[in-house]
C-alpha atoms as a PDB file:
ATOM      1  CA  MET A   1       0.109  -7.736 -49.952  1.00  0.00           C
ATOM      2  CA  THR A   2      -0.998  -4.216 -49.012  1.00  0.00           C
ATOM      3  CA  PRO A   3       0.941  -2.191 -46.450  1.00  0.00           C
ATOM      4  CA  PRO A   4      -0.646  -1.321 -42.916  1.00  0.00           C
ATOM      5  CA  ARG A   5      -2.735   1.626 -43.009  1.00  0.00           C
ATOM      6  CA  ALA A   6      -1.319   4.714 -41.489  1.00  0.00           C
ATOM      7  CA  ARG A   7      -2.933   6.312 -38.571  1.00  0.00           C
ATOM      8  CA  LYS A   8      -4.741   9.953 -39.376  1.00  0.00           C
ATOM      9  CA  LEU A   9      -3.642  12.404 -37.653  1.00  0.00           C
ATOM     10  CA  SER A  10      -7.039  13.655 -36.656  1.00  0.00           C
ATOM     11  CA  SER A  11      -8.049  10.745 -34.794  1.00  0.00           C
ATOM     12  CA  ALA A  12      -4.961  10.761 -32.466  1.00  0.00           C
ATOM     13  CA  ARG A  13      -5.152  11.399 -29.100  1.00  0.00           C
ATOM     14  CA  PRO A  14      -3.708  14.630 -27.705  1.00  0.00           C
ATOM     15  CA  SER A  15      -0.529  13.594 -25.732  1.00  0.00           C
ATOM     16  CA  ARG A  16      -0.522  14.330 -22.032  1.00  0.00           C
ATOM     17  CA  PRO A  17       2.177  16.710 -20.595  1.00  0.00           C
ATOM     18  CA  ALA A  18       5.194  14.923 -19.266  1.00  0.00           C
ATOM     19  CA  SER A  19       5.124  14.199 -15.515  1.00  0.00           C
ATOM     20  CA  PRO A  20       7.900  16.239 -13.554  1.00  0.00           C
ATOM     21  CA  ALA A  21      10.793  13.854 -12.361  1.00  0.00           C
ATOM     22  CA  PRO A  22      10.586  12.602  -9.013  1.00  0.00           C
ATOM     23  CA  ALA A  23      12.420  14.594  -6.470  1.00  0.00           C
ATOM     24  CA  ALA A  24      15.545  13.027  -5.312  1.00  0.00           C
ATOM     25  CA  ARG A  25      15.529  11.453  -1.947  1.00  0.00           C
ATOM     26  CA  PRO A  26      17.468  13.105   0.653  1.00  0.00           C
ATOM     27  CA  ALA A  27      20.404  11.079   2.288  1.00  0.00           C
ATOM     28  CA  GLN A  28      19.189   8.658   4.875  1.00  0.00           C
ATOM     29  CA  THR A  29      19.743  10.019   8.419  1.00  0.00           C
ATOM     30  CA  THR A  30      18.168   7.285  10.421  1.00  0.00           C
ATOM     31  CA  PRO A  31      17.774   3.478   9.560  1.00  0.00           C
ATOM     32  CA  PRO A  32      14.474   2.783   8.034  1.00  0.00           C
ATOM     33  CA  ASP A  33      14.352  -0.406   9.895  1.00  0.00           C
ATOM     34  CA  ASP A  34      16.350  -3.160  12.337  1.00  0.00           C
ATOM     35  CA  LYS A  35      16.330  -5.614   9.404  1.00  0.00           C
ATOM     36  CA  ALA A  36      18.549  -3.761   7.155  1.00  0.00           C
ATOM     37  CA  ARG A  37      22.101  -4.645   6.470  1.00  0.00           C
ATOM     38  CA  TYR A  38      24.384  -1.754   5.855  1.00  0.00           C
ATOM     39  CA  LEU A  39      27.582  -1.415   4.074  1.00  0.00           C
ATOM     40  CA  PHE A  40      30.278   1.120   5.303  1.00  0.00           C
ATOM     41  CA  ARG A  41      33.348   1.923   3.527  1.00  0.00           C
ATOM     42  CA  SER A  42      36.711   1.071   5.003  1.00  0.00           C
ATOM     43  CA  GLY A  43      37.523   3.427   7.866  1.00  0.00           C
ATOM     44  CA  ALA A  44      33.858   5.242   7.433  1.00  0.00           C
ATOM     45  CA  ASP A  45      31.658   5.825  10.336  1.00  0.00           C
ATOM     46  CA  GLU A  46      28.483   6.264   8.310  1.00  0.00           C
ATOM     47  CA  PRO A  47      26.797   3.599   6.061  1.00  0.00           C
ATOM     48  CA  PHE A  48      26.585   4.535   2.167  1.00  0.00           C
ATOM     49  CA  ALA A  49      24.365   1.415   1.056  1.00  0.00           C
ATOM     50  CA  ARG A  50      21.991  -0.949   2.498  1.00  0.00           C
ATOM     51  CA  THR A  51      19.980  -4.251   1.819  1.00  0.00           C
ATOM     52  CA  ARG A  52      16.891  -5.936   3.548  1.00  0.00           C
ATOM     53  CA  GLY A  53      17.472  -8.992   1.672  1.00  0.00           C
ATOM     54  CA  ARG A  54      20.583 -10.917   0.806  1.00  0.00           C
ATOM     55  CA  ARG A  55      21.135  -9.607  -2.671  1.00  0.00           C
ATOM     56  CA  ASP A  56      20.439  -6.020  -3.804  1.00  0.00           C
ATOM     57  CA  PHE A  57      22.441  -3.187  -2.096  1.00  0.00           C
ATOM     58  CA  TYR A  58      20.675   0.370  -2.653  1.00  0.00           C
ATOM     59  CA  LEU A  59      22.523   3.544  -2.120  1.00  0.00           C
ATOM     60  CA  LEU A  60      21.312   5.601   0.954  1.00  0.00           C
ATOM     61  CA  SER A  61      21.970   8.884  -0.785  1.00  0.00           C
ATOM     62  CA  ASP A  62      19.263   8.327  -3.468  1.00  0.00           C
ATOM     63  CA  GLY A  63      17.789   4.782  -3.444  1.00  0.00           C
ATOM     64  CA  SER A  64      19.249   3.813  -6.467  1.00  0.00           C
ATOM     65  CA  LEU A  65      20.220  -0.061  -6.986  1.00  0.00           C
ATOM     66  CA  TRP A  66      24.205  -0.014  -6.648  1.00  0.00           C
ATOM     67  CA  ALA A  67      25.258  -3.659  -6.435  1.00  0.00           C
ATOM     68  CA  HIS A  68      23.891  -7.141  -6.278  1.00  0.00           C
ATOM     69  CA  GLU A  69      25.633 -10.095  -4.040  1.00  0.00           C
ATOM     70  CA  SER A  70      25.818 -13.449  -5.480  1.00  0.00           C
ATOM     71  CA  HIS A  71      27.855 -16.448  -3.940  1.00  0.00           C
ATOM     72  CA  ASP A  72      29.722 -13.995  -1.803  1.00  0.00           C
ATOM     73  CA  TRP A  73      30.879 -11.835  -4.758  1.00  0.00           C
ATOM     74  CA  LEU A  74      29.792  -8.135  -4.992  1.00  0.00           C
ATOM     75  CA  LEU A  75      28.785  -7.195  -8.414  1.00  0.00           C
ATOM     76  CA  ALA A  76      28.186  -3.714  -9.692  1.00  0.00           C
ATOM     77  CA  ALA A  77      24.377  -3.341 -10.698  1.00  0.00           C
ATOM     78  CA  GLY A  78      25.087  -1.569 -14.037  1.00  0.00           C
ATOM     79  CA  SER A  79      27.859  -3.429 -15.470  1.00  0.00           C
ATOM     80  CA  GLY A  80      28.137  -6.622 -13.515  1.00  0.00           C
ATOM     81  CA  SER A  81      31.701  -5.887 -13.058  1.00  0.00           C
ATOM     82  CA  VAL A  82      33.196  -7.514  -9.896  1.00  0.00           C
ATOM     83  CA  LEU A  83      33.714  -5.142  -7.000  1.00  0.00           C
ATOM     84  CA  ALA A  84      34.853  -7.107  -4.412  1.00  0.00           C
ATOM     85  CA  HIS A  85      34.599 -10.703  -2.505  1.00  0.00           C
ATOM     86  CA  ARG A  86      32.992 -11.325   0.806  1.00  0.00           C
ATOM     87  CA  THR A  87      34.709 -13.051   3.700  1.00  0.00           C
ATOM     88  CA  GLY A  88      32.589 -13.118   6.956  1.00  0.00           C
ATOM     89  CA  ARG A  89      31.281  -9.540   7.206  1.00  0.00           C
ATOM     90  CA  SER A  90      33.971  -7.794   5.214  1.00  0.00           C
ATOM     91  CA  TYR A  91      34.445  -7.461   1.288  1.00  0.00           C
ATOM     92  CA  TYR A  92      37.906  -7.454  -0.064  1.00  0.00           C
ATOM     93  CA  SER A  93      39.278  -6.352  -3.286  1.00  0.00           C
ATOM     94  CA  VAL A  94      40.029  -8.887  -5.980  1.00  0.00           C
ATOM     95  CA  SER A  95      43.359  -7.446  -7.000  1.00  0.00           C
ATOM     96  CA  GLY A  96      44.902  -5.974  -4.047  1.00  0.00           C
ATOM     97  CA  GLY A  97      43.137  -8.072  -0.937  1.00  0.00           C
ATOM     98  CA  GLU A  98      42.612  -4.860   1.081  1.00  0.00           C
ATOM     99  CA  CYS A  99      39.225  -4.470   2.848  1.00  0.00           C
ATOM    100  CA  LEU A 100      37.041  -2.109   0.956  1.00  0.00           C
ATOM    101  CA  PHE A 101      33.834  -2.315   2.725  1.00  0.00           C
ATOM    102  CA  SER A 102      32.369  -3.926   5.817  1.00  0.00           C
ATOM    103  CA  GLU A 103      28.736  -4.702   6.862  1.00  0.00           C
ATOM    104  CA  ARG A 104      27.659  -3.819  10.149  1.00  0.00           C
ATOM    105  CA  PRO A 105      24.549  -2.612  12.149  1.00  0.00           C
ATOM    106  CA  TRP A 106      23.921   1.365  11.642  1.00  0.00           C
ATOM    107  CA  ARG A 107      24.020   2.370  15.411  1.00  0.00           C
ATOM    108  CA  THR A 108      22.796   6.130  15.780  1.00  0.00           C
ATOM    109  CA  HIS A 109      23.948   8.037  18.901  1.00  0.00           C
END
């Protein structure tokens, strides 16, 4: 059995310069659409996350995936840790039972 041939350096294509990192999106100041659902931290007047569907919540600050909802459980996107349990339009702490987040329309004044 012969080992695979090594590539000749002279035939290698020149590498392209790295693309610049995409600029961070500014914080959302107006709702992008009326079909989105917004999450507010308990006692807050401004939303911090949104979803257009039923499952994935994205942060308004940078558009990154924050959490996933499954069978009324809110799970952290990165680790899968349980963040809260949904009852109606509110999400409650699993350990203490206090209201952590609420879902409501984003009303701009």
